[in-house]
Each structure stands twice: as structure tokens, then as C-alpha cells.
Amino acid sequence: MTKTQSATPPRPLSTHDASTYDADPGRGWLLFAAVLFTIIGALNVIYGIAAISDSKFYVQDVTFVFGNLNLWGWLLTIVGVAQLFTAFGISREAEWARWLGIALASGNMLVQFLVMPASPVWAVMIVFVDIIVIYGLLTYGGRDRRSLAG
């Protein structure tokens, strides 16, 4: 070898350097969960406020097994606010939000089984979405999810 030749070939110019590339396999799963909780939380708050204000949105003269429309409105509003806080926490990668999201999605699955006789196709779709959210939060929601890339 002459002095002008080097033992290693020159590195090609690249915008991505492998040593600084941050592999995060769970980012899409967390983004999906955060967006889902944002949408569902906002809808629950809107439905809750509509129920609290005795809006004509809901069917009149409906018999509730537990409580009345006003009580259900407050429950929906409180759950919706919890879902919005969970979405914010998931987007910030907070551990408390991971577990609260799993609990809220699990509770929503149980509720969908109660709603299934009224709208079976919708309830089954929501159950599958809840399963996907729970999987994403359990698998990729932890602080050590970057270790899964290697």
C-alpha cells in the first residue's frame, strides 16, 4: 500500500449516522394510543355535557338500569377528562399514563360487552381497538422499549 491509500474505504456522506439513530419501535403504538384516547376523551366529554344539560340529543323516556341521564352525563364527563389526561401522559411517555390507559381500555372493553346487544358490529370493533391499545401500551409503553429494537 502506498501512503496515499488508506486501509479503510471512505465513508459515504449520509444524513443518518447509525451511531446517533434513535431506534424506537414503539413510537407508532404510543402515538396511536394517545390519538385514540384524545378522540374518545373529547367525545365522552361532549356526550357527558349533552347528558348533563338534558339535551334533546338523547332519546326521551329511556329507562336506565343504574341512575338517570344526569348521573350518566357526569360519569361520561369524568371518564372523558381522565381519558384526555391519559392521552397527554402517554404522549409524554409517563408510566402512570401507561397503566391508566390499560385500565381505561380494559374497562371500555367490559362496557362494550354490555352494549353489544344494541350495536354488535360497533361493539366488536371497539373491543378489537381496545385490545390493540392494551397490547401497544403493555409491549411498548414502558421506559425500556428502546431495548426491543436491537
N, C-alpha and C. Protein backbone atom coordinates (compact mmCIF):
# COMPACT_ATOMS: atom_id res chain seq x y z
N MET A 1 0.83 -1.17 0.00
CA MET A 1 0.00 0.00 0.00
C MET A 1 0.87 1.23 0.00
N THR A 2 0.43 2.19 -0.74
CA THR A 2 1.16 3.45 -0.78
C THR A 2 0.64 4.37 0.30
N LYS A 3 1.36 5.47 0.49
CA LYS A 3 0.96 6.42 1.53
C LYS A 3 -0.37 7.10 1.21
N THR A 4 -0.74 7.20 -0.04
CA THR A 4 -1.98 7.89 -0.40
C THR A 4 -3.20 7.00 -0.24
N GLN A 5 -3.02 5.69 -0.17
CA GLN A 5 -4.15 4.79 0.02
C GLN A 5 -4.35 4.53 1.51
N SER A 6 -5.60 4.46 1.91
CA SER A 6 -5.87 4.17 3.32
C SER A 6 -6.38 2.74 3.45
N ALA A 7 -6.30 2.21 4.64
CA ALA A 7 -6.70 0.83 4.88
C ALA A 7 -8.23 0.69 4.88
N THR A 8 -8.94 1.72 5.24
CA THR A 8 -10.41 1.66 5.25
C THR A 8 -10.96 2.55 4.16
N PRO A 9 -12.00 2.09 3.51
CA PRO A 9 -12.59 2.92 2.46
C PRO A 9 -13.28 4.14 3.06
N PRO A 10 -13.37 5.21 2.31
CA PRO A 10 -14.02 6.40 2.85
C PRO A 10 -15.51 6.15 3.08
N ARG A 11 -16.06 6.78 4.11
CA ARG A 11 -17.47 6.64 4.42
C ARG A 11 -18.30 7.51 3.49
N PRO A 12 -19.39 6.98 2.97
CA PRO A 12 -20.25 7.82 2.13
C PRO A 12 -20.95 8.88 2.97
N LEU A 13 -21.21 10.01 2.37
CA LEU A 13 -21.92 11.07 3.07
C LEU A 13 -23.38 10.66 3.24
N SER A 14 -23.88 10.77 4.43
CA SER A 14 -25.25 10.35 4.72
C SER A 14 -25.86 11.32 5.71
N THR A 15 -27.17 11.48 5.63
CA THR A 15 -27.86 12.34 6.59
C THR A 15 -28.13 11.60 7.89
N HIS A 16 -28.08 10.26 7.87
CA HIS A 16 -28.32 9.47 9.07
C HIS A 16 -27.05 8.76 9.47
N ASP A 17 -26.58 9.06 10.63
CA ASP A 17 -25.43 8.36 11.16
C ASP A 17 -25.94 7.26 12.06
N ALA A 18 -25.51 6.03 11.84
CA ALA A 18 -26.02 4.87 12.56
C ALA A 18 -25.79 5.00 14.06
N SER A 19 -24.75 5.69 14.48
CA SER A 19 -24.47 5.79 15.90
C SER A 19 -25.42 6.74 16.61
N THR A 20 -26.03 7.67 15.90
CA THR A 20 -26.94 8.62 16.54
C THR A 20 -28.41 8.34 16.22
N TYR A 21 -28.66 7.32 15.44
CA TYR A 21 -30.03 7.00 15.08
C TYR A 21 -30.74 6.40 16.29
N ASP A 22 -31.86 6.97 16.66
CA ASP A 22 -32.60 6.53 17.84
C ASP A 22 -33.71 5.59 17.39
N ALA A 23 -33.48 4.31 17.51
CA ALA A 23 -34.48 3.32 17.11
C ALA A 23 -35.54 3.22 18.20
N ASP A 24 -36.77 3.49 17.85
CA ASP A 24 -37.88 3.42 18.79
C ASP A 24 -39.02 2.65 18.14
N PRO A 25 -39.06 1.35 18.34
CA PRO A 25 -40.08 0.55 17.67
C PRO A 25 -41.49 0.80 18.16
N GLY A 26 -41.66 1.40 19.33
CA GLY A 26 -42.99 1.57 19.89
C GLY A 26 -43.60 2.94 19.71
N ARG A 27 -42.92 3.83 19.02
CA ARG A 27 -43.44 5.20 18.88
C ARG A 27 -44.80 5.22 18.18
N GLY A 28 -44.98 4.43 17.15
CA GLY A 28 -46.25 4.38 16.45
C GLY A 28 -47.38 3.85 17.32
N TRP A 29 -47.08 2.85 18.13
CA TRP A 29 -48.09 2.30 19.03
C TRP A 29 -48.52 3.33 20.07
N LEU A 30 -47.55 4.05 20.61
CA LEU A 30 -47.88 5.07 21.61
C LEU A 30 -48.64 6.23 21.00
N LEU A 31 -48.26 6.62 19.79
CA LEU A 31 -48.98 7.68 19.09
C LEU A 31 -50.42 7.26 18.82
N PHE A 32 -50.62 6.02 18.39
CA PHE A 32 -51.96 5.50 18.16
C PHE A 32 -52.79 5.56 19.44
N ALA A 33 -52.23 5.09 20.55
CA ALA A 33 -52.96 5.10 21.83
C ALA A 33 -53.29 6.52 22.27
N ALA A 34 -52.35 7.45 22.13
CA ALA A 34 -52.58 8.83 22.54
C ALA A 34 -53.67 9.49 21.68
N VAL A 35 -53.62 9.27 20.38
CA VAL A 35 -54.64 9.84 19.49
C VAL A 35 -56.00 9.24 19.79
N LEU A 36 -56.04 7.93 20.01
CA LEU A 36 -57.31 7.28 20.32
C LEU A 36 -57.90 7.82 21.62
N PHE A 37 -57.09 7.94 22.65
CA PHE A 37 -57.59 8.46 23.92
C PHE A 37 -58.02 9.93 23.79
N THR A 38 -57.36 10.70 22.95
CA THR A 38 -57.77 12.09 22.73
C THR A 38 -59.15 12.15 22.08
N ILE A 39 -59.35 11.36 21.04
CA ILE A 39 -60.64 11.37 20.34
C ILE A 39 -61.76 10.87 21.25
N ILE A 40 -61.54 9.73 21.90
CA ILE A 40 -62.58 9.14 22.74
C ILE A 40 -62.85 10.04 23.95
N GLY A 41 -61.80 10.61 24.52
CA GLY A 41 -61.99 11.50 25.66
C GLY A 41 -62.80 12.74 25.29
N ALA A 42 -62.49 13.34 24.15
CA ALA A 42 -63.24 14.52 23.71
C ALA A 42 -64.70 14.16 23.44
N LEU A 43 -64.95 13.03 22.80
CA LEU A 43 -66.32 12.61 22.54
C LEU A 43 -67.07 12.34 23.84
N ASN A 44 -66.43 11.69 24.80
CA ASN A 44 -67.09 11.42 26.07
C ASN A 44 -67.41 12.70 26.83
N VAL A 45 -66.52 13.68 26.77
CA VAL A 45 -66.81 14.97 27.42
C VAL A 45 -68.00 15.63 26.74
N ILE A 46 -68.05 15.62 25.42
CA ILE A 46 -69.17 16.23 24.69
C ILE A 46 -70.47 15.51 25.02
N TYR A 47 -70.46 14.17 24.97
CA TYR A 47 -71.67 13.40 25.29
C TYR A 47 -72.09 13.63 26.74
N GLY A 48 -71.11 13.71 27.63
CA GLY A 48 -71.42 13.93 29.05
C GLY A 48 -72.07 15.28 29.27
N ILE A 49 -71.53 16.32 28.64
CA ILE A 49 -72.12 17.65 28.79
C ILE A 49 -73.53 17.67 28.20
N ALA A 50 -73.72 16.98 27.08
CA ALA A 50 -75.06 16.91 26.47
C ALA A 50 -76.04 16.21 27.41
N ALA A 51 -75.59 15.17 28.10
CA ALA A 51 -76.47 14.46 29.02
C ALA A 51 -76.76 15.29 30.27
N ILE A 52 -75.75 16.00 30.77
CA ILE A 52 -75.95 16.84 31.96
C ILE A 52 -76.94 17.96 31.67
N SER A 53 -76.87 18.54 30.49
CA SER A 53 -77.73 19.68 30.15
C SER A 53 -79.10 19.24 29.65
N ASP A 54 -79.43 17.96 29.77
CA ASP A 54 -80.71 17.42 29.32
C ASP A 54 -81.00 17.79 27.88
N SER A 55 -80.00 17.63 27.05
CA SER A 55 -80.12 17.96 25.64
C SER A 55 -81.10 17.01 24.95
N LYS A 56 -81.62 17.42 23.85
CA LYS A 56 -82.53 16.58 23.05
C LYS A 56 -81.75 15.56 22.23
N PHE A 57 -80.43 15.52 22.44
CA PHE A 57 -79.57 14.59 21.73
C PHE A 57 -79.92 13.15 22.08
N TYR A 58 -80.27 12.93 23.35
CA TYR A 58 -80.59 11.59 23.81
C TYR A 58 -82.09 11.34 23.69
N VAL A 59 -82.44 10.09 23.55
CA VAL A 59 -83.84 9.69 23.41
C VAL A 59 -84.57 9.99 24.71
N GLN A 60 -85.76 10.50 24.60
CA GLN A 60 -86.57 10.81 25.78
C GLN A 60 -87.21 9.54 26.34
N ASP A 61 -87.56 9.58 27.60
CA ASP A 61 -88.27 8.49 28.29
C ASP A 61 -87.52 7.16 28.23
N VAL A 62 -86.20 7.21 28.39
CA VAL A 62 -85.39 6.00 28.42
C VAL A 62 -85.22 5.58 29.87
N THR A 63 -85.37 4.29 30.13
CA THR A 63 -85.19 3.77 31.47
C THR A 63 -83.75 3.30 31.62
N PHE A 64 -83.08 3.79 32.65
CA PHE A 64 -81.69 3.40 32.91
C PHE A 64 -81.67 2.36 34.02
N VAL A 65 -80.82 1.38 33.87
CA VAL A 65 -80.69 0.34 34.88
C VAL A 65 -80.07 0.93 36.15
N PHE A 66 -79.15 1.85 35.97
CA PHE A 66 -78.43 2.43 37.10
C PHE A 66 -78.46 3.95 36.97
N GLY A 67 -79.16 4.61 37.86
CA GLY A 67 -79.17 6.07 37.87
C GLY A 67 -80.08 6.66 36.81
N ASN A 68 -79.78 7.90 36.45
CA ASN A 68 -80.55 8.62 35.44
C ASN A 68 -79.58 9.25 34.44
N LEU A 69 -80.13 10.00 33.50
CA LEU A 69 -79.31 10.59 32.44
C LEU A 69 -78.29 11.58 33.00
N ASN A 70 -78.68 12.32 34.03
CA ASN A 70 -77.76 13.29 34.63
C ASN A 70 -76.55 12.58 35.25
N LEU A 71 -76.79 11.48 35.95
CA LEU A 71 -75.68 10.72 36.55
C LEU A 71 -74.75 10.17 35.46
N TRP A 72 -75.33 9.61 34.41
CA TRP A 72 -74.51 9.09 33.31
C TRP A 72 -73.73 10.21 32.63
N GLY A 73 -74.32 11.40 32.56
CA GLY A 73 -73.61 12.54 31.99
C GLY A 73 -72.37 12.89 32.80
N TRP A 74 -72.50 12.91 34.12
CA TRP A 74 -71.34 13.21 34.96
C TRP A 74 -70.29 12.12 34.85
N LEU A 75 -70.72 10.86 34.82
CA LEU A 75 -69.76 9.76 34.67
C LEU A 75 -69.01 9.87 33.35
N LEU A 76 -69.73 10.15 32.26
CA LEU A 76 -69.07 10.29 30.96
C LEU A 76 -68.09 11.46 30.96
N THR A 77 -68.47 12.55 31.59
CA THR A 77 -67.59 13.73 31.63
C THR A 77 -66.32 13.42 32.42
N ILE A 78 -66.46 12.77 33.56
CA ILE A 78 -65.29 12.45 34.38
C ILE A 78 -64.37 11.46 33.66
N VAL A 79 -64.96 10.42 33.05
CA VAL A 79 -64.16 9.45 32.31
C VAL A 79 -63.49 10.12 31.11
N GLY A 80 -64.20 11.02 30.43
CA GLY A 80 -63.63 11.73 29.28
C GLY A 80 -62.44 12.59 29.68
N VAL A 81 -62.55 13.28 30.80
CA VAL A 81 -61.42 14.10 31.27
C VAL A 81 -60.24 13.19 31.64
N ALA A 82 -60.53 12.05 32.27
CA ALA A 82 -59.45 11.09 32.60
C ALA A 82 -58.78 10.58 31.33
N GLN A 83 -59.58 10.34 30.28
CA GLN A 83 -59.00 9.88 29.02
C GLN A 83 -58.15 10.96 28.36
N LEU A 84 -58.56 12.21 28.47
CA LEU A 84 -57.75 13.30 27.91
C LEU A 84 -56.43 13.44 28.65
N PHE A 85 -56.45 13.34 29.99
CA PHE A 85 -55.22 13.38 30.76
C PHE A 85 -54.33 12.18 30.43
N THR A 86 -54.95 11.03 30.22
CA THR A 86 -54.19 9.83 29.85
C THR A 86 -53.51 10.02 28.50
N ALA A 87 -54.21 10.61 27.55
CA ALA A 87 -53.62 10.86 26.23
C ALA A 87 -52.41 11.78 26.36
N PHE A 88 -52.53 12.82 27.18
CA PHE A 88 -51.40 13.72 27.39
C PHE A 88 -50.24 12.97 28.04
N GLY A 89 -50.53 12.15 29.03
CA GLY A 89 -49.48 11.39 29.71
C GLY A 89 -48.80 10.38 28.81
N ILE A 90 -49.58 9.72 27.96
CA ILE A 90 -48.99 8.75 27.03
C ILE A 90 -48.07 9.46 26.04
N SER A 91 -48.49 10.63 25.57
CA SER A 91 -47.64 11.37 24.64
C SER A 91 -46.35 11.85 25.31
N ARG A 92 -46.38 12.01 26.63
CA ARG A 92 -45.18 12.41 27.39
C ARG A 92 -44.42 11.21 27.93
N GLU A 93 -44.88 10.00 27.57
CA GLU A 93 -44.26 8.73 27.97
C GLU A 93 -44.23 8.55 29.49
N ALA A 94 -45.30 8.98 30.16
CA ALA A 94 -45.40 8.84 31.61
C ALA A 94 -45.86 7.42 31.95
N GLU A 95 -45.24 6.85 32.95
CA GLU A 95 -45.56 5.48 33.36
C GLU A 95 -46.97 5.39 33.94
N TRP A 96 -47.41 6.40 34.69
CA TRP A 96 -48.76 6.38 35.25
C TRP A 96 -49.81 6.37 34.14
N ALA A 97 -49.54 7.05 33.03
CA ALA A 97 -50.49 7.12 31.92
C ALA A 97 -50.58 5.76 31.22
N ARG A 98 -49.47 5.07 31.17
CA ARG A 98 -49.48 3.72 30.56
C ARG A 98 -50.46 2.83 31.29
N TRP A 99 -50.35 2.79 32.62
CA TRP A 99 -51.21 1.89 33.40
C TRP A 99 -52.64 2.40 33.46
N LEU A 100 -52.84 3.70 33.52
CA LEU A 100 -54.20 4.24 33.49
C LEU A 100 -54.85 3.97 32.14
N GLY A 101 -54.08 4.06 31.06
CA GLY A 101 -54.59 3.75 29.73
C GLY A 101 -55.00 2.29 29.61
N ILE A 102 -54.21 1.41 30.17
CA ILE A 102 -54.55 -0.02 30.15
C ILE A 102 -55.84 -0.25 30.93
N ALA A 103 -55.96 0.39 32.09
CA ALA A 103 -57.17 0.24 32.91
C ALA A 103 -58.40 0.80 32.20
N LEU A 104 -58.27 1.97 31.58
CA LEU A 104 -59.40 2.57 30.88
C LEU A 104 -59.81 1.75 29.66
N ALA A 105 -58.85 1.24 28.90
CA ALA A 105 -59.17 0.41 27.74
C ALA A 105 -59.81 -0.91 28.18
N SER A 106 -59.33 -1.48 29.28
CA SER A 106 -59.92 -2.72 29.80
C SER A 106 -61.35 -2.48 30.26
N GLY A 107 -61.57 -1.38 30.97
CA GLY A 107 -62.93 -1.04 31.40
C GLY A 107 -63.85 -0.80 30.22
N ASN A 108 -63.32 -0.15 29.18
CA ASN A 108 -64.13 0.11 27.99
C ASN A 108 -64.50 -1.20 27.29
N MET A 109 -63.60 -2.18 27.30
CA MET A 109 -63.93 -3.49 26.72
C MET A 109 -65.11 -4.11 27.45
N LEU A 110 -65.11 -4.04 28.77
CA LEU A 110 -66.22 -4.61 29.54
C LEU A 110 -67.53 -3.89 29.24
N VAL A 111 -67.46 -2.57 29.12
CA VAL A 111 -68.66 -1.79 28.79
C VAL A 111 -69.18 -2.18 27.41
N GLN A 112 -68.30 -2.42 26.46
CA GLN A 112 -68.73 -2.79 25.11
C GLN A 112 -69.46 -4.13 25.10
N PHE A 113 -69.11 -5.03 26.01
CA PHE A 113 -69.85 -6.29 26.09
C PHE A 113 -71.27 -6.05 26.58
N LEU A 114 -71.47 -5.04 27.42
CA LEU A 114 -72.82 -4.70 27.87
C LEU A 114 -73.62 -4.01 26.77
N VAL A 115 -72.94 -3.27 25.90
CA VAL A 115 -73.59 -2.52 24.83
C VAL A 115 -73.81 -3.41 23.60
N MET A 116 -73.18 -4.55 23.56
CA MET A 116 -73.20 -5.39 22.36
C MET A 116 -74.61 -5.72 21.83
N PRO A 117 -75.61 -5.99 22.66
CA PRO A 117 -76.94 -6.27 22.09
C PRO A 117 -77.52 -5.08 21.31
N ALA A 118 -77.18 -3.87 21.67
CA ALA A 118 -77.72 -2.69 20.98
C ALA A 118 -77.02 -2.43 19.65
N SER A 119 -75.71 -2.57 19.61
CA SER A 119 -74.96 -2.35 18.37
C SER A 119 -73.79 -3.33 18.32
N PRO A 120 -74.03 -4.54 17.85
CA PRO A 120 -73.00 -5.59 17.93
C PRO A 120 -71.76 -5.33 17.08
N VAL A 121 -71.92 -4.83 15.87
CA VAL A 121 -70.76 -4.62 15.00
C VAL A 121 -69.85 -3.55 15.59
N TRP A 122 -70.43 -2.44 16.01
CA TRP A 122 -69.65 -1.36 16.61
C TRP A 122 -68.93 -1.83 17.86
N ALA A 123 -69.64 -2.57 18.72
CA ALA A 123 -69.04 -3.03 19.97
C ALA A 123 -67.86 -3.97 19.72
N VAL A 124 -67.99 -4.87 18.75
CA VAL A 124 -66.90 -5.79 18.44
C VAL A 124 -65.69 -5.02 17.89
N MET A 125 -65.95 -4.03 17.04
CA MET A 125 -64.83 -3.22 16.51
C MET A 125 -64.11 -2.48 17.63
N ILE A 126 -64.86 -1.91 18.56
CA ILE A 126 -64.24 -1.18 19.67
C ILE A 126 -63.47 -2.13 20.58
N VAL A 127 -63.98 -3.34 20.78
CA VAL A 127 -63.25 -4.32 21.59
C VAL A 127 -61.90 -4.63 20.94
N PHE A 128 -61.88 -4.80 19.63
CA PHE A 128 -60.61 -5.06 18.94
C PHE A 128 -59.65 -3.87 19.05
N VAL A 129 -60.17 -2.67 18.94
CA VAL A 129 -59.32 -1.48 19.09
C VAL A 129 -58.77 -1.42 20.51
N ASP A 130 -59.60 -1.72 21.51
CA ASP A 130 -59.11 -1.74 22.88
C ASP A 130 -58.02 -2.78 23.08
N ILE A 131 -58.16 -3.94 22.46
CA ILE A 131 -57.12 -4.97 22.55
C ILE A 131 -55.82 -4.47 21.94
N ILE A 132 -55.91 -3.78 20.81
CA ILE A 132 -54.70 -3.24 20.17
C ILE A 132 -54.04 -2.19 21.06
N VAL A 133 -54.84 -1.32 21.68
CA VAL A 133 -54.29 -0.30 22.57
C VAL A 133 -53.61 -0.95 23.78
N ILE A 134 -54.27 -1.93 24.37
CA ILE A 134 -53.68 -2.62 25.52
C ILE A 134 -52.37 -3.30 25.12
N TYR A 135 -52.36 -3.96 23.98
CA TYR A 135 -51.12 -4.60 23.50
C TYR A 135 -50.02 -3.55 23.33
N GLY A 136 -50.33 -2.46 22.67
CA GLY A 136 -49.32 -1.43 22.43
C GLY A 136 -48.77 -0.84 23.72
N LEU A 137 -49.66 -0.57 24.68
CA LEU A 137 -49.20 0.02 25.94
C LEU A 137 -48.42 -0.99 26.79
N LEU A 138 -48.85 -2.24 26.78
CA LEU A 138 -48.12 -3.25 27.54
C LEU A 138 -46.76 -3.55 26.94
N THR A 139 -46.70 -3.66 25.62
CA THR A 139 -45.46 -4.05 24.96
C THR A 139 -44.49 -2.89 24.81
N TYR A 140 -44.98 -1.73 24.40
CA TYR A 140 -44.10 -0.62 24.06
C TYR A 140 -44.24 0.61 24.95
N GLY A 141 -45.09 0.54 25.96
CA GLY A 141 -45.32 1.71 26.78
C GLY A 141 -44.30 1.94 27.87
N GLY A 142 -43.48 0.97 28.16
CA GLY A 142 -42.52 1.10 29.24
C GLY A 142 -41.29 1.92 28.86
N ARG A 143 -40.53 2.25 29.86
CA ARG A 143 -39.33 3.05 29.65
C ARG A 143 -38.24 2.30 28.90
N ASP A 144 -38.28 0.97 28.93
CA ASP A 144 -37.22 0.17 28.31
C ASP A 144 -37.59 -0.29 26.91
N ARG A 145 -38.54 0.36 26.24
CA ARG A 145 -38.98 -0.14 24.93
C ARG A 145 -37.91 0.02 23.86
N ARG A 146 -36.96 0.92 24.06
CA ARG A 146 -35.89 1.10 23.06
C ARG A 146 -34.96 -0.11 23.03
N SER A 147 -34.94 -0.88 24.09
CA SER A 147 -34.13 -2.09 24.11
C SER A 147 -34.72 -3.18 23.20
N LEU A 148 -35.97 -3.03 22.81
CA LEU A 148 -36.61 -4.00 21.92
C LEU A 148 -36.14 -3.88 20.49
N ALA A 149 -35.50 -2.75 20.12
CA ALA A 149 -35.07 -2.52 18.74
C ALA A 149 -33.89 -3.38 18.35
N GLY A 150 -33.08 -3.77 19.29
CA GLY A 150 -31.87 -4.48 18.96
C GLY A 150 -32.06 -5.91 18.87
